[in-house]
Every structure is written in structure tokens, then in C-alpha cells.
C-alpha atoms as a PDB file:
ATOM      1  CA  UNK A   1     138.816-121.297-123.553  1.00  0.00           C
ATOM      2  CA  UNK A   2     138.813-124.875-122.651  1.00  0.00           C
ATOM      3  CA  UNK A   3     139.600-123.616-119.440  1.00  0.00           C
ATOM      4  CA  UNK A   4     135.672-121.862-119.486  1.00  0.00           C
ATOM      5  CA  UNK A   5     134.032-124.934-120.798  1.00  0.00           C
ATOM      6  CA  UNK A   6     135.328-128.204-118.489  1.00  0.00           C
ATOM      7  CA  UNK A   7     133.949-125.387-116.213  1.00  0.00           C
ATOM      8  CA  UNK A   8     130.622-125.559-117.548  1.00  0.00           C
ATOM      9  CA  UNK A   9     131.051-128.899-118.023  1.00  0.00           C
ATOM     10  CA  UNK A  10     131.575-129.641-114.268  1.00  0.00           C
ATOM     11  CA  UNK A  11     128.663-127.348-113.098  1.00  0.00           C
ATOM     12  CA  UNK A  12     126.574-129.421-115.489  1.00  0.00           C
ATOM     13  CA  UNK A  13     127.723-132.775-114.008  1.00  0.00           C
ATOM     14  CA  UNK A  14     126.939-131.515-110.740  1.00  0.00           C
ATOM     15  CA  UNK A  15     123.077-130.179-111.744  1.00  0.00           C
ATOM     16  CA  UNK A  16     123.161-134.015-112.248  1.00  0.00           C
ATOM     17  CA  UNK A  17     124.430-135.094-109.694  1.00  0.00           C
ATOM     18  CA  UNK A  18     122.283-132.553-107.376  1.00  0.00           C
ATOM     19  CA  UNK A  19     118.730-134.239-109.379  1.00  0.00           C
ATOM     20  CA  UNK A  20     119.906-137.857-108.336  1.00  0.00           C
ATOM     21  CA  UNK A  21     120.424-136.773-105.215  1.00  0.00           C
ATOM     22  CA  UNK A  22     116.936-135.560-104.812  1.00  0.00           C
ATOM     23  CA  UNK A  23     115.576-138.328-106.531  1.00  0.00           C
ATOM     24  CA  UNK A  24     116.912-140.749-104.351  1.00  0.00           C
ATOM     25  CA  UNK A  25     115.343-138.641-101.385  1.00  0.00           C
ATOM     26  CA  UNK A  26     111.996-138.311-102.331  1.00  0.00           C
ATOM     27  CA  UNK A  27     112.194-142.132-103.705  1.00  0.00           C
ATOM     28  CA  UNK A  28     112.741-143.035 -99.739  1.00  0.00           C
ATOM     29  CA  UNK A  29     110.131-140.297 -98.910  1.00  0.00           C
ATOM     30  CA  UNK A  30     107.813-141.809-100.782  1.00  0.00           C
ATOM     31  CA  UNK A  31     108.170-145.298 -99.399  1.00  0.00           C
ATOM     32  CA  UNK A  32     108.230-144.179 -95.699  1.00  0.00           C
ATOM     33  CA  UNK A  33     105.347-142.033 -95.630  1.00  0.00           C
ATOM     34  CA  UNK A  34     103.245-143.326 -98.238  1.00  0.00           C
ATOM     35  CA  UNK A  35     103.212-140.316-100.680  1.00  0.00           C
ATOM     36  CA  UNK A  36     102.220-142.257-103.761  1.00  0.00           C
ATOM     37  CA  UNK A  37     102.064-138.995-106.040  1.00  0.00           C
ATOM     38  CA  UNK A  38     105.988-138.168-104.499  1.00  0.00           C
ATOM     39  CA  UNK A  39     107.100-141.675-105.919  1.00  0.00           C
ATOM     40  CA  UNK A  40     105.280-140.895-109.275  1.00  0.00           C
ATOM     41  CA  UNK A  41     106.951-137.853-109.665  1.00  0.00           C
ATOM     42  CA  UNK A  42     110.293-139.898-109.273  1.00  0.00           C
ATOM     43  CA  UNK A  43     109.228-142.538-111.909  1.00  0.00           C
ATOM     44  CA  UNK A  44     107.961-139.699-114.533  1.00  0.00           C
ATOM     45  CA  UNK A  45     109.654-136.471-114.227  1.00  0.00           C
ATOM     46  CA  UNK A  46     112.456-136.777-112.457  1.00  0.00           C
ATOM     47  CA  UNK A  47     113.609-140.235-114.828  1.00  0.00           C
ATOM     48  CA  UNK A  48     112.438-137.490-117.852  1.00  0.00           C
ATOM     49  CA  UNK A  49     114.959-134.926-116.759  1.00  0.00           C
ATOM     50  CA  UNK A  50     117.695-137.267-115.392  1.00  0.00           C
ATOM     51  CA  UNK A  51     117.629-138.588-118.800  1.00  0.00           C
ATOM     52  CA  UNK A  52     117.927-135.395-120.541  1.00  0.00           C
ATOM     53  CA  UNK A  53     120.961-134.291-118.325  1.00  0.00           C
ATOM     54  CA  UNK A  54     123.261-137.650-119.669  1.00  0.00           C
ATOM     55  CA  UNK A  55     122.682-136.879-123.060  1.00  0.00           C
ATOM     56  CA  UNK A  56     123.533-132.792-122.444  1.00  0.00           C
ATOM     57  CA  UNK A  57     126.536-133.908-120.739  1.00  0.00           C
ATOM     58  CA  UNK A  58     127.749-136.731-122.778  1.00  0.00           C
ATOM     59  CA  UNK A  59     127.415-133.966-126.089  1.00  0.00           C
ATOM     60  CA  UNK A  60     129.248-131.867-124.416  1.00  0.00           C
ATOM     61  CA  UNK A  61     131.886-134.255-123.706  1.00  0.00           C
ATOM     62  CA  UNK A  62     132.062-135.486-127.171  1.00  0.00           C
ATOM     63  CA  UNK A  63     132.122-132.017-128.424  1.00  0.00           C
ATOM     64  CA  UNK A  64     135.172-130.628-126.351  1.00  0.00           C
ATOM     65  CA  UNK A  65     137.477-133.833-127.024  1.00  0.00           C
ATOM     66  CA  UNK A  66     136.559-133.355-131.140  1.00  0.00           C
ATOM     67  CA  UNK A  67     137.311-128.610-130.967  1.00  0.00           C
ATOM     68  CA  UNK A  68     140.335-129.222-128.077  1.00  0.00           C
ATOM     69  CA  UNK A  69     141.676-132.100-128.155  1.00  0.00           C
ATOM     70  CA  UNK A  70     142.493-132.045-124.452  1.00  0.00           C
ATOM     71  CA  UNK A  71     145.897-133.573-122.718  1.00  0.00           C
ATOM     72  CA  UNK A  72     146.876-134.757-119.462  1.00  0.00           C
ATOM     73  CA  UNK A  73     144.814-133.955-116.499  1.00  0.00           C
ATOM     74  CA  UNK A  74     142.139-132.155-118.688  1.00  0.00           C
ATOM     75  CA  UNK A  75     141.824-134.817-121.410  1.00  0.00           C
ATOM     76  CA  UNK A  76     141.151-137.191-117.682  1.00  0.00           C
ATOM     77  CA  UNK A  77     139.130-135.032-116.010  1.00  0.00           C
ATOM     78  CA  UNK A  78     136.521-135.118-119.446  1.00  0.00           C
ATOM     79  CA  UNK A  79     136.781-139.354-119.558  1.00  0.00           C
ATOM     80  CA  UNK A  80     135.871-139.403-116.366  1.00  0.00           C
ATOM     81  CA  UNK A  81     132.811-137.283-115.985  1.00  0.00           C
ATOM     82  CA  UNK A  82     131.816-138.960-119.326  1.00  0.00           C
ATOM     83  CA  UNK A  83     131.997-142.480-116.462  1.00  0.00           C
ATOM     84  CA  UNK A  84     130.541-140.699-113.746  1.00  0.00           C
ATOM     85  CA  UNK A  85     127.441-139.091-116.138  1.00  0.00           C
ATOM     86  CA  UNK A  86     126.791-143.471-116.999  1.00  0.00           C
ATOM     87  CA  UNK A  87     127.299-144.091-113.203  1.00  0.00           C
ATOM     88  CA  UNK A  88     124.651-141.624-112.623  1.00  0.00           C
ATOM     89  CA  UNK A  89     122.080-142.636-115.447  1.00  0.00           C
ATOM     90  CA  UNK A  90     122.758-145.853-113.401  1.00  0.00           C
ATOM     91  CA  UNK A  91     121.723-144.780-110.107  1.00  0.00           C
ATOM     92  CA  UNK A  92     118.911-143.133-111.564  1.00  0.00           C
ATOM     93  CA  UNK A  93     117.002-146.296-112.863  1.00  0.00           C
ATOM     94  CA  UNK A  94     117.791-147.707-109.732  1.00  0.00           C
ATOM     95  CA  UNK A  95     115.950-144.838-107.895  1.00  0.00           C
ATOM     96  CA  UNK A  96     113.156-145.612-110.064  1.00  0.00           C
ATOM     97  CA  UNK A  97     113.130-149.491-109.563  1.00  0.00           C
ATOM     98  CA  UNK A  98     113.319-148.289-105.798  1.00  0.00           C
ATOM     99  CA  UNK A  99     110.565-146.095-106.470  1.00  0.00           C
ATOM    100  CA  UNK A 100     108.653-148.854-108.528  1.00  0.00           C
ATOM    101  CA  UNK A 101     108.426-151.059-105.622  1.00  0.00           C
ATOM    102  CA  UNK A 102     107.684-148.739-103.372  1.00  0.00           C
ATOM    103  CA  UNK A 103     104.594-148.438-105.149  1.00  0.00           C
ATOM    104  CA  UNK A 104     103.578-152.024-104.614  1.00  0.00           C
ATOM    105  CA  UNK A 105     104.388-151.918-100.902  1.00  0.00           C
ATOM    106  CA  UNK A 106     102.418-148.639 -99.446  1.00  0.00           C
ATOM    107  CA  UNK A 107      98.837-150.200-100.914  1.00  0.00           C
ATOM    108  CA  UNK A 108      99.797-152.951 -98.212  1.00  0.00           C
ATOM    109  CA  UNK A 109     100.191-154.248 -94.950  1.00  0.00           C
ATOM    110  CA  UNK A 110     103.808-153.912 -94.189  1.00  0.00           C
ATOM    111  CA  UNK A 111     105.778-157.114 -93.596  1.00  0.00           C
ATOM    112  CA  UNK A 112     107.900-155.083 -90.525  1.00  0.00           C
ATOM    113  CA  UNK A 113     108.416-152.145 -89.067  1.00  0.00           C
ATOM    114  CA  UNK A 114     111.033-150.470 -91.752  1.00  0.00           C
ATOM    115  CA  UNK A 115     114.314-149.758 -89.841  1.00  0.00           C
ATOM    116  CA  UNK A 116     117.299-151.230 -91.604  1.00  0.00           C
ATOM    117  CA  UNK A 117     116.461-150.133 -94.995  1.00  0.00           C
ATOM    118  CA  UNK A 118     115.934-146.310 -93.854  1.00  0.00           C
ATOM    119  CA  UNK A 119     119.225-146.660 -92.393  1.00  0.00           C
ATOM    120  CA  UNK A 120     120.503-148.197 -94.877  1.00  0.00           C
ATOM    121  CA  UNK A 121     119.317-145.614 -97.984  1.00  0.00           C
ATOM    122  CA  UNK A 122     120.791-142.834 -95.752  1.00  0.00           C
ATOM    123  CA  UNK A 123     124.343-144.399 -95.818  1.00  0.00           C
ATOM    124  CA  UNK A 124     124.258-144.668 -99.563  1.00  0.00           C
ATOM    125  CA  UNK A 125     122.674-141.249 -99.668  1.00  0.00           C
ATOM    126  CA  UNK A 126     125.901-139.882 -97.816  1.00  0.00           C
ATOM    127  CA  UNK A 127     128.096-142.069 -99.875  1.00  0.00           C
ATOM    128  CA  UNK A 128     126.768-140.493-103.161  1.00  0.00           C
ATOM    129  CA  UNK A 129     126.807-137.135-101.539  1.00  0.00           C
ATOM    130  CA  UNK A 130     129.883-137.437-100.471  1.00  0.00           C
ATOM    131  CA  UNK A 131     131.594-138.680-103.890  1.00  0.00           C
ATOM    132  CA  UNK A 132     130.072-135.510-105.613  1.00  0.00           C
ATOM    133  CA  UNK A 133     131.700-133.067-102.680  1.00  0.00           C
ATOM    134  CA  UNK A 134     135.236-135.147-103.405  1.00  0.00           C
ATOM    135  CA  UNK A 135     134.563-134.416-107.065  1.00  0.00           C
ATOM    136  CA  UNK A 136     133.606-130.756-107.112  1.00  0.00           C
ATOM    137  CA  UNK A 137     136.825-130.340-104.197  1.00  0.00           C
ATOM    138  CA  UNK A 138     139.191-132.480-105.988  1.00  0.00           C
ATOM    139  CA  UNK A 139     139.495-134.348-102.478  1.00  0.00           C
ATOM    140  CA  UNK A 140     141.052-137.490-103.153  1.00  0.00           C
ATOM    141  CA  UNK A 141     141.151-138.225 -98.788  1.00  0.00           C
ATOM    142  CA  UNK A 142     136.919-137.742 -99.104  1.00  0.00           C
ATOM    143  CA  UNK A 143     137.369-139.910-102.018  1.00  0.00           C
ATOM    144  CA  UNK A 144     138.940-142.654-100.385  1.00  0.00           C
ATOM    145  CA  UNK A 145     136.757-142.366 -97.305  1.00  0.00           C
ATOM    146  CA  UNK A 146     133.594-143.141 -99.820  1.00  0.00           C
ATOM    147  CA  UNK A 147     135.395-146.469-101.325  1.00  0.00           C
ATOM    148  CA  UNK A 148     135.923-147.671 -97.951  1.00  0.00           C
ATOM    149  CA  UNK A 149     132.520-147.126 -96.622  1.00  0.00           C
ATOM    150  CA  UNK A 150     130.995-149.805 -98.854  1.00  0.00           C
ATOM    151  CA  UNK A 151     131.210-152.792 -96.159  1.00  0.00           C
ATOM    152  CA  UNK A 152     128.490-150.534 -93.894  1.00  0.00           C
ATOM    153  CA  UNK A 153     126.263-151.099 -97.076  1.00  0.00           C
ATOM    154  CA  UNK A 154     126.615-155.080 -97.379  1.00  0.00           C
ATOM    155  CA  UNK A 155     126.772-155.297 -93.619  1.00  0.00           C
ATOM    156  CA  UNK A 156     123.249-153.565 -93.242  1.00  0.00           C
ATOM    157  CA  UNK A 157     122.156-155.679 -97.152  1.00  0.00           C
ATOM    158  CA  UNK A 158     122.677-158.973 -95.300  1.00  0.00           C
ATOM    159  CA  UNK A 159     121.032-158.427 -92.045  1.00  0.00           C
ATOM    160  CA  UNK A 160     118.037-156.955 -93.705  1.00  0.00           C
ATOM    161  CA  UNK A 161     118.179-159.884 -96.202  1.00  0.00           C
ATOM    162  CA  UNK A 162     118.556-162.846 -93.180  1.00  0.00           C
ATOM    163  CA  UNK A 163     115.325-161.160 -91.509  1.00  0.00           C
ATOM    164  CA  UNK A 164     113.312-161.505 -94.753  1.00  0.00           C
ATOM    165  CA  UNK A 165     114.065-164.790 -95.774  1.00  0.00           C
ATOM    166  CA  UNK A 166     113.662-165.475 -92.197  1.00  0.00           C
ATOM    167  CA  UNK A 167     109.807-163.748 -92.435  1.00  0.00           C
ATOM    168  CA  UNK A 168     109.383-165.366 -95.777  1.00  0.00           C
ATOM    169  CA  UNK A 169     110.224-168.706 -94.249  1.00  0.00           C
ATOM    170  CA  UNK A 170     107.568-168.653 -91.443  1.00  0.00           C
ATOM    171  CA  UNK A 171     104.382-167.103 -93.478  1.00  0.00           C
ATOM    172  CA  UNK A 172     104.561-167.235 -97.128  1.00  0.00           C
ATOM    173  CA  UNK A 173     102.284-164.619 -97.494  1.00  0.00           C
ATOM    174  CA  UNK A 174     105.112-162.150 -96.977  1.00  0.00           C
ATOM    175  CA  UNK A 175     106.824-163.710-100.040  1.00  0.00           C
ATOM    176  CA  UNK A 176     105.829-160.364-102.519  1.00  0.00           C
ATOM    177  CA  UNK A 177     106.128-157.870-100.473  1.00  0.00           C
ATOM    178  CA  UNK A 178     109.180-159.623 -98.650  1.00  0.00           C
ATOM    179  CA  UNK A 179     110.391-159.796-102.468  1.00  0.00           C
ATOM    180  CA  UNK A 180     109.885-156.062-102.969  1.00  0.00           C
ATOM    181  CA  UNK A 181     111.963-154.901-100.017  1.00  0.00           C
ATOM    182  CA  UNK A 182     114.707-157.483-101.045  1.00  0.00           C
ATOM    183  CA  UNK A 183     114.649-155.453-104.518  1.00  0.00           C
ATOM    184  CA  UNK A 184     114.531-152.326-102.747  1.00  0.00           C
ATOM    185  CA  UNK A 185     117.905-153.444-100.232  1.00  0.00           C
ATOM    186  CA  UNK A 186     119.278-154.608-103.572  1.00  0.00           C
ATOM    187  CA  UNK A 187     119.057-151.407-105.325  1.00  0.00           C
ATOM    188  CA  UNK A 188     120.258-149.533-102.538  1.00  0.00           C
ATOM    189  CA  UNK A 189     123.685-151.387-102.406  1.00  0.00           C
ATOM    190  CA  UNK A 190     123.896-150.974-106.453  1.00  0.00           C
ATOM    191  CA  UNK A 191     124.067-147.349-105.453  1.00  0.00           C
ATOM    192  CA  UNK A 192     126.616-147.375-102.812  1.00  0.00           C
ATOM    193  CA  UNK A 193     128.467-149.902-105.590  1.00  0.00           C
ATOM    194  CA  UNK A 194     128.234-146.554-108.038  1.00  0.00           C
ATOM    195  CA  UNK A 195     129.264-143.987-105.616  1.00  0.00           C
ATOM    196  CA  UNK A 196     131.968-145.936-104.829  1.00  0.00           C
ATOM    197  CA  UNK A 197     132.916-146.064-108.762  1.00  0.00           C
ATOM    198  CA  UNK A 198     132.657-142.460-108.691  1.00  0.00           C
ATOM    199  CA  UNK A 199     134.666-141.753-105.495  1.00  0.00           C
ATOM    200  CA  UNK A 200     137.347-143.952-107.598  1.00  0.00           C
ATOM    201  CA  UNK A 201     137.022-141.742-110.398  1.00  0.00           C
ATOM    202  CA  UNK A 202     138.120-139.098-108.226  1.00  0.00           C
ATOM    203  CA  UNK A 203     141.615-140.331-106.937  1.00  0.00           C
ATOM    204  CA  UNK A 204     142.364-141.009-111.132  1.00  0.00           C
ATOM    205  CA  UNK A 205     141.236-137.477-111.778  1.00  0.00           C
ATOM    206  CA  UNK A 206     143.548-136.220-108.935  1.00  0.00           C
ATOM    207  CA  UNK A 207     146.124-138.636-108.631  1.00  0.00           C
ATOM    208  CA  UNK A 208     146.055-140.172-111.965  1.00  0.00           C
ATOM    209  CA  UNK A 209     145.918-143.733-109.518  1.00  0.00           C
ATOM    210  CA  UNK A 210     143.698-146.143-110.509  1.00  0.00           C
ATOM    211  CA  UNK A 211     141.745-147.861-107.577  1.00  0.00           C
ATOM    212  CA  UNK A 212     140.216-151.215-109.221  1.00  0.00           C
ATOM    213  CA  UNK A 213     136.923-151.773-107.742  1.00  0.00           C
ATOM    214  CA  UNK A 214     135.955-154.914-106.261  1.00  0.00           C
ATOM    215  CA  UNK A 215     132.187-155.067-107.523  1.00  0.00           C
ATOM    216  CA  UNK A 216     130.061-154.236-110.412  1.00  0.00           C
ATOM    217  CA  UNK A 217     127.263-151.240-109.566  1.00  0.00           C
END
């Protein structure tokens, strides 16, 4: 019976993960293609569904612990799904932040062509997808690979910041628009950090090994 319930729980967290992945794709597409309705959907409808999934998963986890008193790997799995559920909720919040800044930017003249932010978004999205895949397949090697790729995001963040600071210094009229680009960059970085956290969770589930995280998402 517990095994069947755990299968349902895993399916539900994967549904949540897939929803979050699609939210991120929509937010970036809305920014690049200047699609206000797409951004509005992310902020209003998609966030509401994400919040409902988070509550449902929390309730399932608590019920399983109370009813079955799981041990060993089963208990680790439930506890880590609880943690992943919280990580997905935070990722959803960061995606909404991205969509809100995108709404501001698409109505205004661009500061510069968007090159590095789409690259950063693509890398963050791949990290998230691979973290979820590692969980589904209990693949600790892929999970470790996700953790190791965090430096790529940090390098892109630093590059974007340097360039935007140059624009703001040379032309103060760009400051507000540049601020929103910086906000998008910061939120992408945090999505990558939280994907790294999920990778660490997978390692804990599979190997019962704690990998100390380097920074908060």
C-alpha cells in the first residue's frame, strides 16, 4: 500500500515539475517575443495552479508519514519530496518575478539586444529539467552533473552585470530598464541554485549522502 501511495506522490511532484518548467519557458518566450498575454498567463493562471499543486503535495506527504510511519529510503524520499516541493514553489515565485519584469520591458525600447539572458535562461532550464530527470530515474550521477554546472550560470550572471553597469553609467536613462534585466538575471540565477538543491536531494535519496550546498537559492 505504501509503495502505491509513493508512486502517486512521485507522479504528483513530477506533474508539478513539468508545470514549473513550462512556466519558465513561457516567461522567457513572452520576453523575447513580446507576448503580453503569455506573460499575463504565467503571472495569474500558472502561478495559481502551482500553488494548488504545492498544497496538495504537502498534504500527501504529511498523510503518508502519519499513516505509514515509513523508514529508511521511503522516509528519505518523502522528506526530500517535501523539500523539493518547497524548492518548486520558490522557483515558481522567481518565474513570476521574471514575467513581471518582462511585462515592463516589452513596452519599452530595449537597452541592448538580448543575447546572454536567453543563454542563461536556456542553461537554467536545462539544469531544472535534468534535476527532475535525475529524480525520476534515481540517477545520482546526473544529479551531480547538475550541481557541477552551477558555475556556468554564475559566469553568465557576472558577464550580464558588467555589461549592464556599463550601459547605466554611460546613459542614466537606461537605469530603470537595466534594473529589470538585472532582476531577471538574478531570478534565473536563483532558479539554477534551487535546481542544484534538487540535485543534492536526489543524491541524498539515492546514496544517503549529504552534499553541502554552496549558496542559497
